[in-house]
Amino acid sequence: MEPKLHHSVVDGVATVVISNPDKRNAMTAGMWRALPELLGQLAADDAVRALVLTGEGSTFCAGADISSLREPGEAPQSLAVRAEEALAAFPKPTLAAVRGYCVGGGCQLAAACDLRFAEEDALFGVTPAKLGIVYPASSTRRLVALVGPAAAKYLLFSGELIGTERALRTGLVDEVLPAGELGKRVAEFTRIVASRSQLTQAAAKEFATGRTDRDAHWEEQQRGSGDPAEGVAAFLERRVPRFTWSTTSG
């Protein structure tokens, strides 16, 4: 089966599936290149209100396809950083649904998502020390922001894999689900997220990254959106709000 990225959009939720089952869904150079373009298409689609990244079958992603490290052309690490940055910049909520191995470049992608839900037997690792590779500065900073300096050093210095208990404790994972329950929980949570205000979510994504130069922009967007009035009206009338602001219109 040819390694590729599959995607679908159902009820406002886009699902991107990493598919290279012969190599535990390792990312090839072609897959790294394809991800930013695919994310751009999904970001521009008003039908998409949230995005789930997952792997085919029982594995999330075992990292970069090591055989691609010897291929000519742009360095796989540069391709991975570009894909990671595109995922981190996606303007709508993103969630990594993790089963099995989430290692190397796979963990890099998961860390670039807003949230990570995992099945209880998942394993996480950041493994450049096993290959003598310098982990990218941007990826290191993102990992430190997520789990703290000590946990990031543990992962980077050792390249060891950790289970979901430690991943949850350090903040690398947000929820751990029993085997067989991940899909149901992700569907439930993303349905909730897709029903909420995109205005609130988009502003929160920027503020949470520490951006400080767009306060006035978001105040202006809020005033012109009509979403606050709709939210209050829906609450008082005990109905589901019909928010109209979107990332493509704002």
C-alpha atoms as a PDB file:
ATOM      1  CA  MET A   1       0.000   0.000   0.000  1.00  0.00           C
ATOM      2  CA  GLU A   2       1.382   3.398  -1.002  1.00  0.00           C
ATOM      3  CA  PRO A   3       2.212   5.643   1.964  1.00  0.00           C
ATOM      4  CA  LYS A   4      -0.123   8.633   1.973  1.00  0.00           C
ATOM      5  CA  LEU A   5      -2.353  10.937   3.975  1.00  0.00           C
ATOM      6  CA  HIS A   6      -6.083  10.231   3.861  1.00  0.00           C
ATOM      7  CA  HIS A   7      -8.658  12.788   4.923  1.00  0.00           C
ATOM      8  CA  SER A   8     -12.396  13.168   5.338  1.00  0.00           C
ATOM      9  CA  VAL A   9     -14.778  15.823   6.655  1.00  0.00           C
ATOM     10  CA  VAL A  10     -17.860  14.766   8.629  1.00  0.00           C
ATOM     11  CA  ASP A  11     -20.136  17.058  10.656  1.00  0.00           C
ATOM     12  CA  GLY A  12     -17.600  19.869  10.758  1.00  0.00           C
ATOM     13  CA  VAL A  13     -14.646  17.707  11.802  1.00  0.00           C
ATOM     14  CA  ALA A  14     -11.791  16.985   9.396  1.00  0.00           C
ATOM     15  CA  THR A  15      -9.877  13.775  10.075  1.00  0.00           C
ATOM     16  CA  VAL A  16      -6.388  13.354   8.634  1.00  0.00           C
ATOM     17  CA  VAL A  17      -5.047   9.804   8.750  1.00  0.00           C
ATOM     18  CA  ILE A  18      -1.338   8.987   8.497  1.00  0.00           C
ATOM     19  CA  SER A  19      -1.185   5.795   6.446  1.00  0.00           C
ATOM     20  CA  ASN A  20       2.007   3.798   6.035  1.00  0.00           C
ATOM     21  CA  PRO A  21       1.077   0.606   7.905  1.00  0.00           C
ATOM     22  CA  ASP A  22       4.046  -1.430   6.665  1.00  0.00           C
ATOM     23  CA  LYS A  23       6.326   0.946   8.628  1.00  0.00           C
ATOM     24  CA  ARG A  24       4.129   1.801  11.619  1.00  0.00           C
ATOM     25  CA  ASN A  25       2.839   4.870   9.775  1.00  0.00           C
ATOM     26  CA  ALA A  26       6.288   6.439   9.472  1.00  0.00           C
ATOM     27  CA  MET A  27       6.205   9.678   7.492  1.00  0.00           C
ATOM     28  CA  THR A  28       7.915   9.628   4.096  1.00  0.00           C
ATOM     29  CA  ALA A  29       9.326  12.765   2.465  1.00  0.00           C
ATOM     30  CA  GLY A  30       6.274  12.865   0.211  1.00  0.00           C
ATOM     31  CA  MET A  31       3.934  12.731   3.183  1.00  0.00           C
ATOM     32  CA  TRP A  32       5.803  15.538   4.953  1.00  0.00           C
ATOM     33  CA  ARG A  33       5.495  17.641   1.787  1.00  0.00           C
ATOM     34  CA  ALA A  34       1.805  16.874   1.377  1.00  0.00           C
ATOM     35  CA  LEU A  35       0.710  17.802   4.891  1.00  0.00           C
ATOM     36  CA  PRO A  36       1.066  21.626   4.731  1.00  0.00           C
ATOM     37  CA  GLU A  37      -0.852  21.780   1.439  1.00  0.00           C
ATOM     38  CA  LEU A  38      -3.621  19.580   2.808  1.00  0.00           C
ATOM     39  CA  LEU A  39      -3.851  21.670   5.976  1.00  0.00           C
ATOM     40  CA  GLY A  40      -4.116  24.814   3.866  1.00  0.00           C
ATOM     41  CA  GLN A  41      -7.070  23.348   1.974  1.00  0.00           C
ATOM     42  CA  LEU A  42      -8.828  22.311   5.157  1.00  0.00           C
ATOM     43  CA  ALA A  43      -8.190  25.676   6.833  1.00  0.00           C
ATOM     44  CA  ALA A  44      -9.899  27.426   3.904  1.00  0.00           C
ATOM     45  CA  ASP A  45     -12.941  25.136   4.066  1.00  0.00           C
ATOM     46  CA  ASP A  46     -15.780  26.768   6.027  1.00  0.00           C
ATOM     47  CA  ALA A  47     -17.279  23.322   6.605  1.00  0.00           C
ATOM     48  CA  VAL A  48     -14.269  22.425   8.781  1.00  0.00           C
ATOM     49  CA  ARG A  49     -14.528  23.581  12.378  1.00  0.00           C
ATOM     50  CA  ALA A  50     -11.993  21.228  13.994  1.00  0.00           C
ATOM     51  CA  LEU A  51      -9.306  18.780  12.901  1.00  0.00           C
ATOM     52  CA  VAL A  52      -8.250  15.360  14.164  1.00  0.00           C
ATOM     53  CA  LEU A  53      -4.864  13.863  13.284  1.00  0.00           C
ATOM     54  CA  THR A  54      -4.497  10.123  13.757  1.00  0.00           C
ATOM     55  CA  GLY A  55      -2.757   7.061  12.362  1.00  0.00           C
ATOM     56  CA  GLU A  56      -4.137   4.117  10.451  1.00  0.00           C
ATOM     57  CA  GLY A  57      -4.819   1.039  12.554  1.00  0.00           C
ATOM     58  CA  SER A  58      -3.195   0.569  15.945  1.00  0.00           C
ATOM     59  CA  THR A  59      -0.274   3.024  15.575  1.00  0.00           C
ATOM     60  CA  PHE A  60      -0.215   6.814  15.439  1.00  0.00           C
ATOM     61  CA  CYS A  61       3.167   7.432  13.795  1.00  0.00           C
ATOM     62  CA  ALA A  62       6.593   5.901  14.406  1.00  0.00           C
ATOM     63  CA  GLY A  63       8.389   9.021  13.152  1.00  0.00           C
ATOM     64  CA  ALA A  64      10.165   9.723   9.897  1.00  0.00           C
ATOM     65  CA  ASP A  65      10.792   6.877   7.477  1.00  0.00           C
ATOM     66  CA  ILE A  66      14.510   6.351   8.182  1.00  0.00           C
ATOM     67  CA  SER A  67      15.151   5.206   4.620  1.00  0.00           C
ATOM     68  CA  SER A  68      14.159   8.692   3.452  1.00  0.00           C
ATOM     69  CA  LEU A  69      17.099  10.190   5.362  1.00  0.00           C
ATOM     70  CA  ARG A  70      19.367   9.031   2.514  1.00  0.00           C
ATOM     71  CA  GLU A  71      17.166  10.324  -0.302  1.00  0.00           C
ATOM     72  CA  PRO A  72      18.415  13.337  -2.307  1.00  0.00           C
ATOM     73  CA  GLY A  73      16.579  16.628  -2.029  1.00  0.00           C
ATOM     74  CA  GLU A  74      15.482  18.761   0.880  1.00  0.00           C
ATOM     75  CA  ALA A  75      16.450  17.373   4.284  1.00  0.00           C
ATOM     76  CA  PRO A  76      13.618  15.398   5.921  1.00  0.00           C
ATOM     77  CA  GLN A  77      14.115  17.395   9.107  1.00  0.00           C
ATOM     78  CA  SER A  78      13.316  20.635   7.241  1.00  0.00           C
ATOM     79  CA  LEU A  79      10.258  19.025   5.725  1.00  0.00           C
ATOM     80  CA  ALA A  80       9.141  17.833   9.164  1.00  0.00           C
ATOM     81  CA  VAL A  81       9.536  21.303  10.686  1.00  0.00           C
ATOM     82  CA  ARG A  82       7.530  22.846   7.855  1.00  0.00           C
ATOM     83  CA  ALA A  83       4.737  20.313   8.399  1.00  0.00           C
ATOM     84  CA  GLU A  84       4.857  20.808  12.166  1.00  0.00           C
ATOM     85  CA  GLU A  85       4.655  24.588  11.834  1.00  0.00           C
ATOM     86  CA  ALA A  86       1.728  24.313   9.405  1.00  0.00           C
ATOM     87  CA  LEU A  87      -0.107  22.131  11.923  1.00  0.00           C
ATOM     88  CA  ALA A  88       0.655  24.470  14.820  1.00  0.00           C
ATOM     89  CA  ALA A  89      -0.590  27.427  12.738  1.00  0.00           C
ATOM     90  CA  PHE A  90      -3.853  25.739  11.731  1.00  0.00           C
ATOM     91  CA  PRO A  91      -6.477  28.343  12.708  1.00  0.00           C
ATOM     92  CA  LYS A  92      -9.045  25.908  14.122  1.00  0.00           C
ATOM     93  CA  PRO A  93      -8.815  23.488  17.071  1.00  0.00           C
ATOM     94  CA  THR A  94      -6.644  20.435  16.438  1.00  0.00           C
ATOM     95  CA  LEU A  95      -6.499  17.144  18.308  1.00  0.00           C
ATOM     96  CA  ALA A  96      -4.110  14.206  17.977  1.00  0.00           C
ATOM     97  CA  ALA A  97      -5.842  10.852  18.563  1.00  0.00           C
ATOM     98  CA  VAL A  98      -3.022   8.520  19.547  1.00  0.00           C
ATOM     99  CA  ARG A  99      -2.891   4.742  19.546  1.00  0.00           C
ATOM    100  CA  GLY A 100       0.280   2.713  19.883  1.00  0.00           C
ATOM    101  CA  TYR A 101       3.573   4.350  18.956  1.00  0.00           C
ATOM    102  CA  CYS A 102       3.846   8.150  18.838  1.00  0.00           C
ATOM    103  CA  VAL A 103       7.582   8.539  18.345  1.00  0.00           C
ATOM    104  CA  GLY A 104      10.067  10.960  16.781  1.00  0.00           C
ATOM    105  CA  GLY A 105       8.384  12.918  14.025  1.00  0.00           C
ATOM    106  CA  GLY A 106       5.073  11.456  15.133  1.00  0.00           C
ATOM    107  CA  CYS A 107       5.493  12.972  18.575  1.00  0.00           C
ATOM    108  CA  GLN A 108       6.596  16.191  16.883  1.00  0.00           C
ATOM    109  CA  LEU A 109       3.266  16.315  15.024  1.00  0.00           C
ATOM    110  CA  ALA A 110       1.243  15.393  18.095  1.00  0.00           C
ATOM    111  CA  ALA A 111       2.933  18.156  20.100  1.00  0.00           C
ATOM    112  CA  ALA A 112       1.984  20.655  17.380  1.00  0.00           C
ATOM    113  CA  CYS A 113      -1.703  19.868  17.913  1.00  0.00           C
ATOM    114  CA  ASP A 114      -3.721  21.812  20.467  1.00  0.00           C
ATOM    115  CA  LEU A 115      -4.696  18.670  22.383  1.00  0.00           C
ATOM    116  CA  ARG A 116      -3.701  15.005  22.560  1.00  0.00           C
ATOM    117  CA  PHE A 117      -5.991  12.132  23.547  1.00  0.00           C
ATOM    118  CA  ALA A 118      -4.449   8.656  23.796  1.00  0.00           C
ATOM    119  CA  GLU A 119      -5.361   5.046  24.421  1.00  0.00           C
ATOM    120  CA  GLU A 120      -3.873   3.711  27.641  1.00  0.00           C
ATOM    121  CA  ASP A 121      -1.209   1.535  25.961  1.00  0.00           C
ATOM    122  CA  ALA A 122       0.217   4.320  23.766  1.00  0.00           C
ATOM    123  CA  LEU A 123       3.951   5.044  23.890  1.00  0.00           C
ATOM    124  CA  PHE A 124       5.616   8.410  23.345  1.00  0.00           C
ATOM    125  CA  GLY A 125       9.218   9.275  22.557  1.00  0.00           C
ATOM    126  CA  VAL A 126      11.437  11.995  21.099  1.00  0.00           C
ATOM    127  CA  THR A 127      14.366  10.080  19.652  1.00  0.00           C
ATOM    128  CA  PRO A 128      16.940  12.259  17.809  1.00  0.00           C
ATOM    129  CA  ALA A 129      19.640  11.290  20.322  1.00  0.00           C
ATOM    130  CA  LYS A 130      19.465   7.752  18.932  1.00  0.00           C
ATOM    131  CA  LEU A 131      20.461   9.066  15.491  1.00  0.00           C
ATOM    132  CA  GLY A 132      22.846  11.860  16.403  1.00  0.00           C
ATOM    133  CA  ILE A 133      20.443  14.495  15.089  1.00  0.00           C
ATOM    134  CA  VAL A 134      19.983  17.957  16.597  1.00  0.00           C
ATOM    135  CA  TYR A 135      16.298  18.378  17.365  1.00  0.00           C
ATOM    136  CA  PRO A 136      15.021  21.592  15.712  1.00  0.00           C
ATOM    137  CA  ALA A 137      15.011  24.688  17.907  1.00  0.00           C
ATOM    138  CA  SER A 138      11.344  25.440  17.211  1.00  0.00           C
ATOM    139  CA  SER A 139      10.344  21.871  18.033  1.00  0.00           C
ATOM    140  CA  THR A 140      12.397  21.922  21.233  1.00  0.00           C
ATOM    141  CA  ARG A 141      10.779  25.164  22.357  1.00  0.00           C
ATOM    142  CA  ARG A 142       7.312  23.766  21.641  1.00  0.00           C
ATOM    143  CA  LEU A 143       8.091  20.623  23.643  1.00  0.00           C
ATOM    144  CA  VAL A 144       9.424  22.667  26.572  1.00  0.00           C
ATOM    145  CA  ALA A 145       6.316  24.867  26.534  1.00  0.00           C
ATOM    146  CA  LEU A 146       4.182  21.751  26.629  1.00  0.00           C
ATOM    147  CA  VAL A 147       5.884  19.576  29.260  1.00  0.00           C
ATOM    148  CA  GLY A 148       8.413  21.862  30.973  1.00  0.00           C
ATOM    149  CA  PRO A 149      12.229  21.941  30.767  1.00  0.00           C
ATOM    150  CA  ALA A 150      12.950  18.885  32.924  1.00  0.00           C
ATOM    151  CA  ALA A 151      10.533  16.543  31.145  1.00  0.00           C
ATOM    152  CA  ALA A 152      11.694  17.819  27.755  1.00  0.00           C
ATOM    153  CA  LYS A 153      15.324  17.131  28.694  1.00  0.00           C
ATOM    154  CA  TYR A 154      14.421  13.641  29.896  1.00  0.00           C
ATOM    155  CA  LEU A 155      12.827  12.845  26.544  1.00  0.00           C
ATOM    156  CA  LEU A 156      15.535  14.475  24.428  1.00  0.00           C
ATOM    157  CA  PHE A 157      18.575  13.297  26.396  1.00  0.00           C
ATOM    158  CA  SER A 158      17.489   9.659  26.599  1.00  0.00           C
ATOM    159  CA  GLY A 159      15.294   9.007  23.579  1.00  0.00           C
ATOM    160  CA  GLU A 160      13.415   6.614  25.878  1.00  0.00           C
ATOM    161  CA  LEU A 161       9.739   5.857  25.388  1.00  0.00           C
ATOM    162  CA  ILE A 162       7.239   6.773  28.090  1.00  0.00           C
ATOM    163  CA  GLY A 163       3.742   5.437  28.723  1.00  0.00           C
ATOM    164  CA  THR A 164       0.500   7.334  29.039  1.00  0.00           C
ATOM    165  CA  GLU A 165       0.678   7.637  32.838  1.00  0.00           C
ATOM    166  CA  ARG A 166       3.864   9.683  32.669  1.00  0.00           C
ATOM    167  CA  ALA A 167       2.730  11.482  29.514  1.00  0.00           C
ATOM    168  CA  LEU A 168      -0.458  12.563  31.272  1.00  0.00           C
ATOM    169  CA  ARG A 169       1.453  13.679  34.351  1.00  0.00           C
ATOM    170  CA  THR A 170       3.846  15.847  32.343  1.00  0.00           C
ATOM    171  CA  GLY A 171       1.165  17.413  30.146  1.00  0.00           C
ATOM    172  CA  LEU A 172       2.168  15.642  26.938  1.00  0.00           C
ATOM    173  CA  VAL A 173      -1.282  14.008  26.932  1.00  0.00           C
ATOM    174  CA  ASP A 174      -4.586  15.598  27.953  1.00  0.00           C
ATOM    175  CA  GLU A 175      -6.804  12.514  28.280  1.00  0.00           C
ATOM    176  CA  VAL A 176      -6.128   8.775  28.469  1.00  0.00           C
ATOM    177  CA  LEU A 177      -8.846   6.358  27.380  1.00  0.00           C
ATOM    178  CA  PRO A 178      -9.283   2.606  27.878  1.00  0.00           C
ATOM    179  CA  ALA A 179      -8.638   0.398  24.858  1.00  0.00           C
ATOM    180  CA  GLY A 180     -11.422   0.723  22.334  1.00  0.00           C
ATOM    181  CA  GLU A 181     -12.788   3.990  23.764  1.00  0.00           C
ATOM    182  CA  LEU A 182     -10.600   6.547  21.997  1.00  0.00           C
ATOM    183  CA  GLY A 183     -12.676   6.923  18.845  1.00  0.00           C
ATOM    184  CA  LYS A 184     -15.910   7.424  20.761  1.00  0.00           C
ATOM    185  CA  ARG A 185     -14.389  10.039  23.071  1.00  0.00           C
ATOM    186  CA  VAL A 186     -12.704  11.943  20.230  1.00  0.00           C
ATOM    187  CA  ALA A 187     -15.973  12.026  18.280  1.00  0.00           C
ATOM    188  CA  GLU A 188     -17.844  13.258  21.354  1.00  0.00           C
ATOM    189  CA  PHE A 189     -15.294  15.958  22.192  1.00  0.00           C
ATOM    190  CA  THR A 190     -14.865  17.263  18.640  1.00  0.00           C
ATOM    191  CA  ARG A 191     -18.650  17.433  18.241  1.00  0.00           C
ATOM    192  CA  ILE A 192     -18.697  19.765  21.248  1.00  0.00           C
ATOM    193  CA  VAL A 193     -15.777  21.815  19.917  1.00  0.00           C
ATOM    194  CA  ALA A 194     -17.402  22.128  16.483  1.00  0.00           C
ATOM    195  CA  SER A 195     -20.528  23.582  18.092  1.00  0.00           C
ATOM    196  CA  ARG A 196     -18.677  26.360  19.929  1.00  0.00           C
ATOM    197  CA  SER A 197     -17.671  29.847  18.812  1.00  0.00           C
ATOM    198  CA  GLN A 198     -14.844  29.870  16.274  1.00  0.00           C
ATOM    199  CA  LEU A 199     -14.182  33.465  17.300  1.00  0.00           C
ATOM    200  CA  THR A 200     -13.458  32.431  20.888  1.00  0.00           C
ATOM    201  CA  GLN A 201     -11.339  29.498  19.739  1.00  0.00           C
ATOM    202  CA  ALA A 202      -9.267  31.415  17.181  1.00  0.00           C
ATOM    203  CA  ALA A 203      -8.469  34.217  19.610  1.00  0.00           C
ATOM    204  CA  ALA A 204      -7.650  31.735  22.371  1.00  0.00           C
ATOM    205  CA  LYS A 205      -5.205  29.887  20.095  1.00  0.00           C
ATOM    206  CA  GLU A 206      -3.274  33.095  19.488  1.00  0.00           C
ATOM    207  CA  PHE A 207      -3.341  34.276  23.074  1.00  0.00           C
ATOM    208  CA  ALA A 208      -2.237  30.860  24.350  1.00  0.00           C
ATOM    209  CA  THR A 209       0.914  31.016  22.217  1.00  0.00           C
ATOM    210  CA  GLY A 210       1.852  34.278  23.913  1.00  0.00           C
ATOM    211  CA  ARG A 211       1.075  36.591  21.016  1.00  0.00           C
ATOM    212  CA  THR A 212       0.558  40.117  22.344  1.00  0.00           C
ATOM    213  CA  ASP A 213       0.102  42.282  19.240  1.00  0.00           C
ATOM    214  CA  ARG A 214      -3.444  41.309  18.257  1.00  0.00           C
ATOM    215  CA  ASP A 215      -5.587  42.342  21.213  1.00  0.00           C
ATOM    216  CA  ALA A 216      -7.175  45.218  19.301  1.00  0.00           C
ATOM    217  CA  HIS A 217      -7.784  42.980  16.301  1.00  0.00           C
ATOM    218  CA  TRP A 218      -9.763  40.471  18.335  1.00  0.00           C
ATOM    219  CA  GLU A 219     -11.721  43.184  20.125  1.00  0.00           C
ATOM    220  CA  GLU A 220     -12.722  44.530  16.719  1.00  0.00           C
ATOM    221  CA  GLN A 221     -13.643  41.059  15.474  1.00  0.00           C
ATOM    222  CA  GLN A 222     -15.821  40.500  18.546  1.00  0.00           C
ATOM    223  CA  ARG A 223     -17.652  43.813  18.100  1.00  0.00           C
ATOM    224  CA  GLY A 224     -18.436  43.112  14.460  1.00  0.00           C
ATOM    225  CA  SER A 225     -19.221  39.427  14.707  1.00  0.00           C
ATOM    226  CA  GLY A 226     -22.614  39.306  16.365  1.00  0.00           C
ATOM    227  CA  ASP A 227     -21.521  36.132  18.151  1.00  0.00           C
ATOM    228  CA  PRO A 228     -21.749  37.515  21.724  1.00  0.00           C
ATOM    229  CA  ALA A 229     -25.354  38.660  21.187  1.00  0.00           C
ATOM    230  CA  GLU A 230     -26.226  35.305  19.627  1.00  0.00           C
ATOM    231  CA  GLY A 231     -24.589  33.413  22.483  1.00  0.00           C
ATOM    232  CA  VAL A 232     -26.519  35.335  25.138  1.00  0.00           C
ATOM    233  CA  ALA A 233     -29.808  35.014  23.228  1.00  0.00           C
ATOM    234  CA  ALA A 234     -29.317  31.267  22.784  1.00  0.00           C
ATOM    235  CA  PHE A 235     -28.549  30.852  26.485  1.00  0.00           C
ATOM    236  CA  LEU A 236     -31.683  32.750  27.550  1.00  0.00           C
ATOM    237  CA  GLU A 237     -33.834  30.915  25.014  1.00  0.00           C
ATOM    238  CA  ARG A 238     -32.319  27.546  25.959  1.00  0.00           C
ATOM    239  CA  ARG A 239     -31.316  26.646  22.429  1.00  0.00           C
ATOM    240  CA  VAL A 240     -28.111  25.828  20.554  1.00  0.00           C
ATOM    241  CA  PRO A 241     -26.354  29.037  19.420  1.00  0.00           C
ATOM    242  CA  ARG A 242     -25.854  29.697  15.726  1.00  0.00           C
ATOM    243  CA  PHE A 243     -22.459  31.379  15.639  1.00  0.00           C
ATOM    244  CA  THR A 244     -21.570  32.902  12.260  1.00  0.00           C
ATOM    245  CA  TRP A 245     -17.980  34.161  12.619  1.00  0.00           C
ATOM    246  CA  SER A 246     -15.429  31.969  10.850  1.00  0.00           C
ATOM    247  CA  THR A 247     -11.673  32.016  10.400  1.00  0.00           C
ATOM    248  CA  THR A 248     -12.106  32.621   6.671  1.00  0.00           C
ATOM    249  CA  SER A 249     -14.376  35.620   7.170  1.00  0.00           C
ATOM    250  CA  GLY A 250     -12.512  37.212  10.058  1.00  0.00           C
END
